[in-house]
């Protein structure tokens, strides 16, 4: 069974991606379980940060690597917060937390009429740290930032990410429906096809 190191220590991500890669006979191992520290993420784009994370994990493990970088891109803010999504609230003096991120976003958008936003996930897979041909899969879900929180499932901006095709926020959807249709779910589906076509 081919082993791939996941350049993340997030238990939720591991489970989600592990389930999707299982049909390919691939085993995901968290970088933390191999004693690999988190990589620097100095870049302004999801793809550059995901590449940096994957290269770092591949170099230190000697294994193929998979990494993702994801965030919220708000049209009215020119695509920001983007790569700074996790730290959004800290720009406005709040401690870092999902809850504060949502609070800060609702405050910043109080007078904004263009509510369109996309959740974006970029997955990068490398055979080795020097792989000249990374596999890159992008998943995005376009929705609108709700005026108030709705729903209790999910995490991050899920309570205010209203998805018109479902008529609900991500936090109102059952977890399995959300995962199948989320930005990460879409990126992972595309990545499975890329790995099947290019590596196996």
Protein backbone atom coordinates (compact mmCIF):
# COMPACT_ATOMS: atom_id res chain seq x y z
CA UNK A 1 0.00 0.00 0.00
CA UNK A 2 1.40 3.37 -1.04
CA UNK A 3 1.95 5.77 1.84
CA UNK A 4 1.42 9.50 1.47
CA UNK A 5 2.28 12.03 4.16
CA UNK A 6 -0.44 14.61 4.86
CA UNK A 7 1.14 18.00 5.48
CA UNK A 8 -1.37 18.83 8.18
CA UNK A 9 -1.97 17.79 11.78
CA UNK A 10 -5.70 18.40 11.53
CA UNK A 11 -7.52 15.22 12.61
CA UNK A 12 -10.68 16.21 10.73
CA UNK A 13 -8.83 16.76 7.46
CA UNK A 14 -7.01 13.46 7.87
CA UNK A 15 -10.26 11.53 8.30
CA UNK A 16 -12.00 13.29 5.42
CA UNK A 17 -9.11 12.79 2.98
CA UNK A 18 -8.33 9.26 4.20
CA UNK A 19 -11.88 8.17 3.35
CA UNK A 20 -11.59 9.65 -0.13
CA UNK A 21 -8.18 8.13 -0.90
CA UNK A 22 -8.99 4.69 0.53
CA UNK A 23 -10.50 3.38 -2.76
CA UNK A 24 -7.12 4.04 -4.42
CA UNK A 25 -5.34 1.85 -1.86
CA UNK A 26 -3.42 4.83 -0.45
CA UNK A 27 -2.63 5.28 3.21
CA UNK A 28 -2.39 8.81 4.59
CA UNK A 29 0.00 9.49 7.46
CA UNK A 30 -0.06 12.77 9.38
CA UNK A 31 3.24 14.64 9.33
CA UNK A 32 3.00 15.11 13.11
CA UNK A 33 3.04 11.33 13.56
CA UNK A 34 6.41 11.33 11.76
CA UNK A 35 7.77 14.14 13.93
CA UNK A 36 7.64 16.67 11.10
CA UNK A 37 7.02 20.26 12.26
CA UNK A 38 4.60 22.65 10.51
CA UNK A 39 5.98 24.42 7.43
CA UNK A 40 6.21 28.17 6.95
CA UNK A 41 3.36 29.60 4.87
CA UNK A 42 4.72 32.96 3.70
CA UNK A 43 2.88 33.22 0.38
CA UNK A 44 -0.15 35.19 -0.78
CA UNK A 45 -1.81 32.41 -2.80
CA UNK A 46 -3.32 29.09 -1.73
CA UNK A 47 -1.36 27.13 -4.33
CA UNK A 48 2.04 28.51 -3.27
CA UNK A 49 1.35 27.77 0.40
CA UNK A 50 0.08 24.26 -0.36
CA UNK A 51 3.20 23.62 -2.48
CA UNK A 52 5.46 24.88 0.33
CA UNK A 53 3.74 22.57 2.84
CA UNK A 54 3.87 19.54 0.53
CA UNK A 55 7.57 20.07 -0.36
CA UNK A 56 8.46 20.43 3.31
CA UNK A 57 6.67 17.20 4.27
CA UNK A 58 8.06 15.26 1.28
CA UNK A 59 11.62 16.43 1.95
CA UNK A 60 11.56 15.50 5.65
CA UNK A 61 9.70 12.18 5.21
CA UNK A 62 11.08 10.86 1.92
CA UNK A 63 7.46 10.01 1.01
CA UNK A 64 5.01 11.46 -1.50
CA UNK A 65 3.08 14.29 0.14
CA UNK A 66 -0.36 15.87 0.05
CA UNK A 67 -1.13 19.36 1.35
CA UNK A 68 -4.02 21.75 1.24
CA UNK A 69 -4.50 25.44 1.77
CA UNK A 70 -7.96 26.89 1.98
CA UNK A 71 -9.84 29.99 2.87
CA UNK A 72 -12.67 32.40 2.31
CA UNK A 73 -12.55 34.81 -0.64
CA UNK A 74 -15.01 37.69 -0.35
CA UNK A 75 -15.77 39.54 -3.60
CA UNK A 76 -16.35 42.89 -1.92
CA UNK A 77 -12.87 42.65 -0.32
CA UNK A 78 -11.08 41.78 -3.57
CA UNK A 79 -10.84 38.11 -2.64
CA UNK A 80 -9.58 38.63 0.91
CA UNK A 81 -9.16 37.30 3.61
CA UNK A 82 -7.87 34.44 1.44
CA UNK A 83 -4.69 32.94 2.87
CA UNK A 84 -5.20 34.96 6.09
CA UNK A 85 -8.64 33.45 6.74
CA UNK A 86 -7.66 31.61 9.94
CA UNK A 87 -6.30 34.84 11.45
CA UNK A 88 -9.03 37.16 10.15
CA UNK A 89 -10.30 38.28 13.58
CA UNK A 90 -6.80 39.24 14.78
CA UNK A 91 -6.72 42.12 12.26
CA UNK A 92 -9.54 43.71 14.24
CA UNK A 93 -8.16 43.18 17.73
CA UNK A 94 -9.96 39.92 18.54
CA UNK A 95 -8.18 36.77 19.75
CA UNK A 96 -7.82 34.07 17.08
CA UNK A 97 -10.90 31.80 17.00
CA UNK A 98 -13.56 30.59 14.57
CA UNK A 99 -16.20 32.41 16.57
CA UNK A 100 -14.33 35.73 16.48
CA UNK A 101 -13.64 35.32 12.76
CA UNK A 102 -17.38 35.10 12.11
CA UNK A 103 -18.06 38.06 14.42
CA UNK A 104 -15.44 40.22 12.70
CA UNK A 105 -16.70 39.30 9.23
CA UNK A 106 -20.32 40.15 10.08
CA UNK A 107 -19.16 43.49 11.53
CA UNK A 108 -17.01 44.32 8.48
CA UNK A 109 -19.86 43.45 6.11
CA UNK A 110 -22.65 45.23 7.98
CA UNK A 111 -23.03 47.93 5.31
CA UNK A 112 -21.93 45.81 2.33
CA UNK A 113 -24.61 44.79 -0.19
CA UNK A 114 -22.46 42.53 -2.38
CA UNK A 115 -22.42 39.42 -0.18
CA UNK A 116 -20.90 37.05 -2.77
CA UNK A 117 -18.04 34.91 -1.50
CA UNK A 118 -16.29 31.64 -2.29
CA UNK A 119 -14.81 29.00 -0.04
CA UNK A 120 -11.71 27.73 -1.83
CA UNK A 121 -9.57 24.64 -1.19
CA UNK A 122 -6.36 23.97 -3.11
CA UNK A 123 -4.81 20.52 -2.81
CA UNK A 124 -1.28 19.78 -4.00
CA UNK A 125 0.32 16.33 -4.27
CA UNK A 126 4.01 15.64 -4.92
CA UNK A 127 5.87 12.37 -5.57
CA UNK A 128 8.98 13.91 -4.00
CA UNK A 129 10.17 17.31 -2.79
CA UNK A 130 11.67 17.98 -6.24
CA UNK A 131 8.70 16.76 -8.30
CA UNK A 132 8.54 19.13 -11.31
CA UNK A 133 4.93 18.14 -11.98
CA UNK A 134 2.78 18.67 -8.90
CA UNK A 135 -0.82 17.53 -9.07
CA UNK A 136 -3.05 20.51 -8.28
CA UNK A 137 -6.78 20.30 -7.59
CA UNK A 138 -8.96 23.27 -6.71
CA UNK A 139 -12.43 23.06 -5.24
CA UNK A 140 -14.61 26.09 -4.76
CA UNK A 141 -18.12 26.71 -3.55
CA UNK A 142 -19.74 30.04 -4.29
CA UNK A 143 -22.29 31.41 -1.86
CA UNK A 144 -23.26 34.51 0.04
CA UNK A 145 -22.29 35.77 3.46
CA UNK A 146 -25.47 35.61 5.55
CA UNK A 147 -26.49 38.58 7.71
CA UNK A 148 -26.47 36.40 10.84
CA UNK A 149 -25.32 32.95 11.98
CA UNK A 150 -27.51 30.00 11.09
CA UNK A 151 -26.96 26.36 12.06
CA UNK A 152 -24.65 24.57 14.49
CA UNK A 153 -22.81 21.99 12.34
CA UNK A 154 -19.39 22.46 10.79
CA UNK A 155 -16.70 24.94 11.78
CA UNK A 156 -14.98 28.10 10.56
CA UNK A 157 -17.28 30.33 8.52
CA UNK A 158 -19.86 27.56 7.95
CA UNK A 159 -22.62 29.35 10.00
CA UNK A 160 -22.54 32.40 7.69
CA UNK A 161 -21.71 30.69 4.38
CA UNK A 162 -25.15 30.57 2.74
CA UNK A 163 -25.29 28.21 -0.26
CA UNK A 164 -28.11 29.20 -2.66
CA UNK A 165 -28.32 25.73 -4.28
CA UNK A 166 -29.26 24.27 -0.87
CA UNK A 167 -31.07 27.32 0.49
CA UNK A 168 -29.09 26.88 3.73
CA UNK A 169 -25.74 27.69 5.30
CA UNK A 170 -23.05 25.01 5.48
CA UNK A 171 -23.70 24.83 9.23
CA UNK A 172 -27.36 23.94 8.62
CA UNK A 173 -26.57 21.02 6.30
CA UNK A 174 -26.00 17.48 7.59
CA UNK A 175 -22.24 16.89 7.86
CA UNK A 176 -22.16 14.23 5.13
CA UNK A 177 -24.02 16.51 2.68
CA UNK A 178 -21.66 19.35 3.49
CA UNK A 179 -18.53 17.20 3.08
CA UNK A 180 -19.71 15.85 -0.27
CA UNK A 181 -20.35 19.35 -1.57
CA UNK A 182 -17.74 21.42 0.27
CA UNK A 183 -14.75 23.12 -1.33
CA UNK A 184 -12.49 20.46 0.24
CA UNK A 185 -14.81 17.66 -0.86
CA UNK A 186 -14.72 18.93 -4.44
CA UNK A 187 -10.94 19.40 -4.43
CA UNK A 188 -10.42 15.92 -2.93
CA UNK A 189 -12.67 14.33 -5.56
CA UNK A 190 -10.64 16.01 -8.32
CA UNK A 191 -7.35 15.01 -6.65
CA UNK A 192 -8.40 11.34 -6.45
CA UNK A 193 -8.93 11.39 -10.24
CA UNK A 194 -5.57 13.11 -10.81
CA UNK A 195 -3.68 10.58 -8.66
CA UNK A 196 -5.48 7.69 -10.38
CA UNK A 197 -4.63 9.05 -13.84
CA UNK A 198 -1.05 10.20 -13.18
CA UNK A 199 0.48 8.07 -10.44
CA UNK A 200 -1.21 4.66 -10.43
